[in-house]
N, C-alpha and C. Protein backbone atom coordinates (compact mmCIF):
# COMPACT_ATOMS: atom_id res chain seq x y z
N UNK A 1 39.96 8.22 20.99
CA UNK A 1 39.46 9.64 20.30
C UNK A 1 38.97 9.44 19.15
N UNK A 2 39.23 8.29 17.69
CA UNK A 2 39.31 8.59 16.95
C UNK A 2 37.02 7.77 17.14
N UNK A 3 37.79 6.76 17.95
CA UNK A 3 35.74 6.09 18.03
C UNK A 3 35.02 7.16 18.35
N UNK A 4 35.57 7.93 19.16
CA UNK A 4 34.40 8.44 19.64
C UNK A 4 33.73 9.77 18.49
N UNK A 5 34.64 9.91 17.82
CA UNK A 5 34.74 10.48 16.56
C UNK A 5 33.69 10.13 15.39
N UNK A 6 34.10 8.82 15.58
CA UNK A 6 33.11 7.98 14.48
C UNK A 6 31.76 6.96 15.09
N UNK A 7 31.53 7.04 16.14
CA UNK A 7 30.55 7.18 17.12
C UNK A 7 30.08 8.24 16.86
N UNK A 8 30.15 9.67 17.50
CA UNK A 8 29.16 10.86 16.81
C UNK A 8 29.22 11.43 15.81
N UNK A 9 30.00 11.36 14.62
CA UNK A 9 29.21 10.92 13.36
C UNK A 9 28.47 9.76 12.88
N UNK A 10 28.39 9.12 13.52
CA UNK A 10 27.20 7.60 13.24
C UNK A 10 25.55 8.47 13.97
N UNK A 11 25.64 8.85 15.36
CA UNK A 11 24.45 9.31 15.35
C UNK A 11 24.23 10.69 15.10
N UNK A 12 24.92 11.90 14.65
CA UNK A 12 24.52 13.16 13.15
C UNK A 12 23.80 12.37 12.89
N UNK A 13 24.85 10.94 11.75
CA UNK A 13 23.95 11.22 10.83
C UNK A 13 22.90 10.04 10.52
N UNK A 14 22.42 9.81 11.75
CA UNK A 14 21.17 8.74 11.87
C UNK A 14 20.05 9.49 12.42
N UNK A 15 20.38 10.79 13.12
CA UNK A 15 19.51 11.30 13.60
C UNK A 15 19.57 12.20 11.92
N UNK A 16 19.74 13.02 11.26
CA UNK A 16 20.04 13.80 9.71
C UNK A 16 18.60 12.86 9.36
N UNK A 17 19.13 11.42 9.23
CA UNK A 17 18.10 10.42 8.25
C UNK A 17 16.59 10.58 8.60
N UNK A 18 16.16 10.25 9.91
CA UNK A 18 15.37 10.61 10.73
C UNK A 18 14.58 11.39 10.71
N UNK A 19 15.59 12.29 11.26
CA UNK A 19 14.52 13.69 10.46
C UNK A 19 13.88 13.82 9.12
N UNK A 20 14.90 13.63 8.67
CA UNK A 20 14.54 13.80 6.85
C UNK A 20 13.61 13.12 6.11
N UNK A 21 12.96 11.68 7.36
CA UNK A 21 11.96 11.04 6.49
C UNK A 21 10.76 11.83 7.21
N UNK A 22 10.60 12.70 8.54
CA UNK A 22 9.67 13.04 8.98
C UNK A 22 8.54 14.09 8.43
N UNK A 23 7.68 13.89 8.02
CA UNK A 23 6.46 14.51 7.14
C UNK A 23 6.06 16.06 8.38
N UNK A 24 6.49 17.30 8.05
CA UNK A 24 5.39 17.86 9.40
C UNK A 24 4.64 18.02 9.14
N UNK A 25 3.72 18.97 9.50
CA UNK A 25 2.15 18.89 9.83
C UNK A 25 2.36 20.45 8.59
N UNK A 26 1.17 20.43 7.28
CA UNK A 26 0.91 21.21 6.37
C UNK A 26 1.71 20.17 5.01
N UNK A 27 1.78 19.24 5.37
CA UNK A 27 1.83 19.33 4.08
C UNK A 27 1.47 18.67 2.74
N UNK A 28 0.91 18.20 1.33
CA UNK A 28 -0.12 17.58 0.90
C UNK A 28 -0.33 16.90 1.00
N UNK A 29 0.38 15.63 1.61
CA UNK A 29 0.03 14.32 1.54
C UNK A 29 -1.47 14.14 2.78
N UNK A 30 -0.57 15.14 3.84
CA UNK A 30 -1.67 15.35 5.15
C UNK A 30 -2.81 15.43 4.64
N UNK A 31 -2.53 16.52 3.85
CA UNK A 31 -4.65 17.12 3.68
C UNK A 31 -5.37 16.13 2.66
N UNK A 32 -4.78 15.31 1.89
CA UNK A 32 -5.76 13.96 1.41
C UNK A 32 -5.94 13.03 2.59
N UNK A 33 -7.49 13.09 1.74
CA UNK A 33 -8.16 12.03 2.77
C UNK A 33 -7.64 10.44 2.50
N UNK A 34 -7.70 9.91 3.75
CA UNK A 34 -7.64 7.92 3.40
C UNK A 34 -7.94 7.91 2.61
N UNK A 35 -7.66 6.81 1.39
CA UNK A 35 -8.48 5.84 0.04
C UNK A 35 -8.18 4.22 1.22
N UNK A 36 -9.31 3.80 0.68
CA UNK A 36 -9.64 2.71 1.71
C UNK A 36 -9.76 1.02 0.13
N UNK A 37 -9.25 0.62 0.68
CA UNK A 37 -9.31 -0.34 -0.28
C UNK A 37 -9.75 -1.71 1.03
N UNK A 38 -11.41 -2.20 0.23
CA UNK A 38 -12.00 -3.04 1.00
C UNK A 38 -12.01 -4.94 0.92
N UNK A 39 -11.46 -5.43 0.53
CA UNK A 39 -11.30 -6.72 -0.30
C UNK A 39 -11.47 -8.69 0.63
N UNK A 40 -13.22 -8.44 -0.34
CA UNK A 40 -13.77 -10.02 0.87
C UNK A 40 -12.93 -10.88 0.00
N UNK A 41 -12.46 -11.61 1.02
CA UNK A 41 -11.89 -12.68 0.14
C UNK A 41 -12.99 -13.87 0.53
N UNK A 42 -13.21 -13.98 -0.28
CA UNK A 42 -14.50 -16.09 -0.46
C UNK A 42 -13.83 -16.84 -0.35
N UNK A 43 -12.21 -16.92 -0.27
CA UNK A 43 -11.90 -18.52 -0.80
C UNK A 43 -11.23 -18.83 0.32
N UNK A 44 -10.78 -20.10 0.37
CA UNK A 44 -9.87 -20.12 1.20
C UNK A 44 -8.35 -19.93 1.49
N UNK A 45 -7.78 -19.48 -0.41
CA UNK A 45 -6.71 -18.94 0.01
C UNK A 45 -6.22 -17.52 0.60
N UNK A 46 -5.01 -17.07 1.21
CA UNK A 46 -4.67 -15.93 1.43
C UNK A 46 -3.99 -15.60 0.30
N UNK A 47 -4.29 -14.38 0.47
CA UNK A 47 -4.15 -13.60 -0.87
C UNK A 47 -3.35 -12.75 -0.76
N UNK A 48 -2.32 -11.80 -1.50
CA UNK A 48 -1.22 -10.50 -2.22
C UNK A 48 -1.80 -10.21 -2.34
N UNK A 49 -2.11 -8.70 -1.70
CA UNK A 49 -2.69 -7.50 -2.93
C UNK A 49 -1.86 -6.82 -3.13
N UNK A 50 -2.04 -5.94 -3.79
CA UNK A 50 -0.82 -5.85 -4.67
C UNK A 50 -1.80 -4.12 -5.92
N UNK A 51 -0.61 -3.32 -6.07
CA UNK A 51 -1.96 -1.76 -6.41
C UNK A 51 -0.88 -1.61 -7.63
N UNK A 52 -1.84 -1.66 -8.57
CA UNK A 52 -0.36 -1.30 -10.05
C UNK A 52 -1.09 -0.24 -11.08
N UNK A 53 0.31 0.84 -10.85
CA UNK A 53 -0.58 2.35 -11.12
C UNK A 53 1.26 2.14 -11.28
N UNK A 54 0.95 3.81 -12.76
CA UNK A 54 1.78 3.92 -13.61
C UNK A 54 3.42 3.21 -13.71
N UNK A 55 3.13 1.76 -14.01
CA UNK A 55 4.19 0.74 -14.33
C UNK A 55 4.62 -0.02 -12.92
N UNK A 56 4.63 0.47 -11.76
CA UNK A 56 4.68 -0.64 -10.56
C UNK A 56 3.33 -1.20 -9.77
N UNK A 57 4.43 -2.24 -9.32
CA UNK A 57 3.66 -3.67 -8.58
C UNK A 57 4.22 -2.98 -6.61
N UNK A 58 2.93 -2.38 -6.41
CA UNK A 58 2.96 -2.30 -4.74
C UNK A 58 1.90 -3.05 -4.17
N UNK A 59 2.94 -4.03 -2.88
CA UNK A 59 2.01 -4.51 -2.03
C UNK A 59 2.02 -3.99 -0.78
N UNK A 60 0.35 -4.33 -0.81
CA UNK A 60 -0.34 -2.81 -0.18
C UNK A 60 -0.97 -4.09 1.37
N UNK A 61 -0.78 -5.08 1.00
CA UNK A 61 -1.34 -6.33 2.66
C UNK A 61 -1.59 -7.71 1.38
N UNK A 62 -1.80 -8.74 3.56
CA UNK A 62 -3.01 -9.82 2.89
C UNK A 62 -3.74 -9.35 2.95
N UNK A 63 -4.90 -10.79 2.23
CA UNK A 63 -6.36 -10.83 2.29
C UNK A 63 -6.50 -12.54 3.20
N UNK A 64 -6.75 -11.93 4.06
CA UNK A 64 -6.74 -13.76 4.65
C UNK A 64 -8.50 -14.54 4.03
N UNK A 65 -8.75 -15.58 3.94
CA UNK A 65 -9.35 -16.45 3.35
C UNK A 65 -10.76 -15.86 4.15
N UNK A 66 -11.72 -16.17 2.95
CA UNK A 66 -12.85 -15.92 3.60
C UNK A 66 -13.42 -14.46 4.89
N UNK A 67 -11.39 -14.30 5.10
CA UNK A 67 -12.29 -12.43 5.32
C UNK A 67 -12.51 -11.12 4.69
N UNK A 68 -12.78 -10.28 5.55
CA UNK A 68 -12.37 -9.07 5.58
C UNK A 68 -11.78 -8.72 5.62
N UNK A 69 -10.79 -7.48 5.11
CA UNK A 69 -9.80 -6.79 4.69
C UNK A 69 -9.36 -5.64 4.79
N UNK A 70 -9.55 -5.38 5.52
CA UNK A 70 -9.33 -3.00 4.68
C UNK A 70 -7.68 -2.67 5.05
N UNK A 71 -6.92 -2.20 3.63
CA UNK A 71 -6.30 -2.23 3.46
C UNK A 71 -5.84 -0.04 2.87
N UNK A 72 -4.90 0.65 3.48
CA UNK A 72 -4.39 1.97 2.96
C UNK A 72 -4.48 1.23 1.67
N UNK A 73 -4.76 2.84 0.17
CA UNK A 73 -3.22 2.39 -0.47
C UNK A 73 -2.54 4.13 -0.08
N UNK A 74 -1.52 4.48 -0.65
CA UNK A 74 -0.82 5.19 -0.33
C UNK A 74 -0.98 6.28 -1.32
N UNK A 75 -1.54 7.70 -0.44
CA UNK A 75 -2.22 8.54 -0.56
C UNK A 75 -0.62 9.31 -1.88
N UNK A 76 0.71 8.61 -2.17
CA UNK A 76 1.12 8.82 -3.16
C UNK A 76 0.88 8.32 -4.77
N UNK A 77 0.16 7.35 -4.83
CA UNK A 77 -0.60 7.08 -6.05
C UNK A 77 -1.38 7.03 -5.84
N UNK A 78 -2.29 8.33 -5.54
CA UNK A 78 -3.77 9.61 -5.87
C UNK A 78 -3.98 10.26 -6.37
N UNK A 79 -3.28 11.41 -7.72
CA UNK A 79 -4.06 12.31 -7.96
C UNK A 79 -4.57 12.37 -8.60
N UNK A 80 -5.82 12.80 -7.78
CA UNK A 80 -7.30 13.09 -8.90
C UNK A 80 -7.84 11.96 -8.67
N UNK A 81 -8.48 12.45 -10.18
CA UNK A 81 -8.87 10.94 -10.33
C UNK A 81 -7.99 10.07 -10.99
N UNK A 82 -7.69 8.60 -10.30
CA UNK A 82 -6.24 8.63 -11.02
C UNK A 82 -6.70 6.46 -11.56
N UNK A 83 -6.80 6.50 -12.40
CA UNK A 83 -6.77 4.63 -12.46
C UNK A 83 -5.61 3.66 -12.08
N UNK A 84 -6.43 2.89 -11.60
CA UNK A 84 -5.52 1.69 -11.02
C UNK A 84 -6.36 0.52 -11.30
N UNK A 85 -5.23 -0.42 -10.75
CA UNK A 85 -5.83 -2.18 -10.63
C UNK A 85 -5.37 -2.64 -10.04
N UNK A 86 -5.88 -3.81 -9.26
CA UNK A 86 -5.04 -4.40 -7.90
C UNK A 86 -5.65 -5.89 -8.68
N UNK A 87 -4.41 -6.33 -8.42
CA UNK A 87 -3.46 -8.37 -8.18
C UNK A 87 -3.50 -8.64 -6.89
N UNK A 88 -4.10 -9.93 -6.99
CA UNK A 88 -4.67 -10.92 -6.43
C UNK A 88 -3.34 -11.78 -6.55
N UNK A 89 -2.52 -12.22 -5.67
CA UNK A 89 -1.41 -13.33 -5.54
C UNK A 89 -1.76 -13.82 -5.25
N UNK A 90 -2.46 -15.33 -5.31
CA UNK A 90 -3.08 -16.25 -4.14
C UNK A 90 -1.72 -16.61 -3.51
N UNK A 91 -1.46 -16.87 -2.41
CA UNK A 91 -0.13 -17.53 -1.33
C UNK A 91 -0.54 -18.70 -1.68
N UNK A 92 0.82 -19.87 -2.91
CA UNK A 92 0.01 -21.25 -2.48
C UNK A 92 -0.74 -21.59 -3.93
N UNK A 93 -0.56 -20.65 -4.66
CA UNK A 93 -1.98 -20.55 -5.66
C UNK A 93 -0.37 -20.04 -6.78
N UNK A 94 -1.48 -20.62 -8.54
CA UNK A 94 -0.62 -20.00 -9.56
C UNK A 94 -1.24 -19.15 -10.41
N UNK A 95 -2.21 -18.57 -9.61
CA UNK A 95 -3.03 -17.72 -10.22
C UNK A 95 -2.93 -16.83 -10.03
N UNK A 96 -2.59 -15.31 -10.90
CA UNK A 96 -2.61 -13.52 -10.00
C UNK A 96 -3.95 -12.78 -10.60
N UNK A 97 -5.69 -13.22 -11.08
CA UNK A 97 -5.89 -12.80 -10.96
C UNK A 97 -5.48 -11.50 -10.81
N UNK A 98 -5.98 -9.75 -12.47
CA UNK A 98 -5.42 -8.85 -11.89
C UNK A 98 -6.68 -8.07 -12.13
N UNK A 99 -7.76 -6.44 -11.88
CA UNK A 99 -9.28 -6.09 -11.44
C UNK A 99 -9.11 -5.49 -12.74
N UNK A 100 -10.14 -4.86 -13.18
CA UNK A 100 -10.54 -4.07 -13.90
C UNK A 100 -9.97 -2.56 -13.65
N UNK A 101 -9.83 -1.66 -14.80
CA UNK A 101 -9.31 -0.61 -14.10
C UNK A 101 -10.52 0.11 -13.69
N UNK A 102 -9.90 0.39 -12.34
CA UNK A 102 -11.05 1.62 -11.54
C UNK A 102 -10.53 2.62 -11.55
N UNK A 103 -10.96 3.86 -11.35
CA UNK A 103 -11.06 5.47 -11.22
C UNK A 103 -11.38 6.06 -9.90
N UNK A 104 -10.23 6.22 -9.08
CA UNK A 104 -10.64 6.35 -7.73
C UNK A 104 -10.00 7.77 -7.71
N UNK A 105 -10.53 8.37 -6.53
CA UNK A 105 -10.20 9.74 -6.30
C UNK A 105 -9.89 9.27 -4.08
N UNK A 106 -9.01 10.29 -4.63
CA UNK A 106 -8.76 10.22 -2.43
C UNK A 106 -10.36 10.57 -1.35
N UNK A 107 -9.73 9.77 -0.93
CA UNK A 107 -11.00 9.76 0.24
C UNK A 107 -12.40 8.46 -0.05
N UNK A 108 -12.20 7.58 -1.71
CA UNK A 108 -12.54 6.89 -1.47
C UNK A 108 -12.03 5.90 -1.08
N UNK A 109 -13.87 4.33 -0.89
CA UNK A 109 -13.65 3.44 -0.61
C UNK A 109 -14.17 1.99 -1.01
N UNK A 110 -12.66 1.85 -1.74
CA UNK A 110 -13.10 0.67 -3.34
C UNK A 110 -12.82 -0.58 -2.12
N UNK A 111 -14.16 -1.63 -3.40
CA UNK A 111 -13.88 -2.83 -2.46
C UNK A 111 -13.81 -3.81 -3.99
N UNK A 112 -13.18 -4.77 -3.21
CA UNK A 112 -12.51 -5.10 -4.56
C UNK A 112 -12.73 -7.26 -4.42
N UNK A 113 -13.49 -8.28 -4.43
CA UNK A 113 -14.58 -8.91 -4.20
C UNK A 113 -13.54 -10.11 -4.88
N UNK A 114 -12.94 -11.83 -3.69
CA UNK A 114 -12.48 -12.25 -4.18
C UNK A 114 -13.79 -13.74 -4.48
N UNK A 115 -13.64 -14.81 -5.05
CA UNK A 115 -14.99 -15.15 -5.72
C UNK A 115 -14.02 -16.59 -4.54
N UNK A 116 -15.41 -17.72 -4.70
CA UNK A 116 -14.10 -18.54 -3.97
C UNK A 116 -13.96 -19.77 -5.17
N UNK A 117 -13.99 -19.60 -6.11
CA UNK A 117 -12.84 -20.55 -6.81
C UNK A 117 -12.22 -19.54 -8.25
N UNK A 118 -11.62 -18.77 -7.47
CA UNK A 118 -10.45 -17.40 -8.06
C UNK A 118 -9.48 -18.36 -8.42
């Protein structure tokens, strides 16, 4: 009987947790247009791309060498016109250059170019 109660309590907790993570229609984040970062990686190395915002470093994804990659900038980091920076950390390298501060608004598409000699 105790095992059945524990499993029921676990399922109830799991259901409550999952339903709490759901964003319903009409959320402010749903109304905001998607903001994209296009990374033109002209280098042979792959780079991990980070967003630097508000003292945080948030991983956006990986930019493969000699390719263009589109990454989504999470909506919770953009409030109107927001100043952001991006860091490109080479996989297998030792330098991680940071972009100049850029003003980004919801719905913008920002392009970041990694030169061949970065």
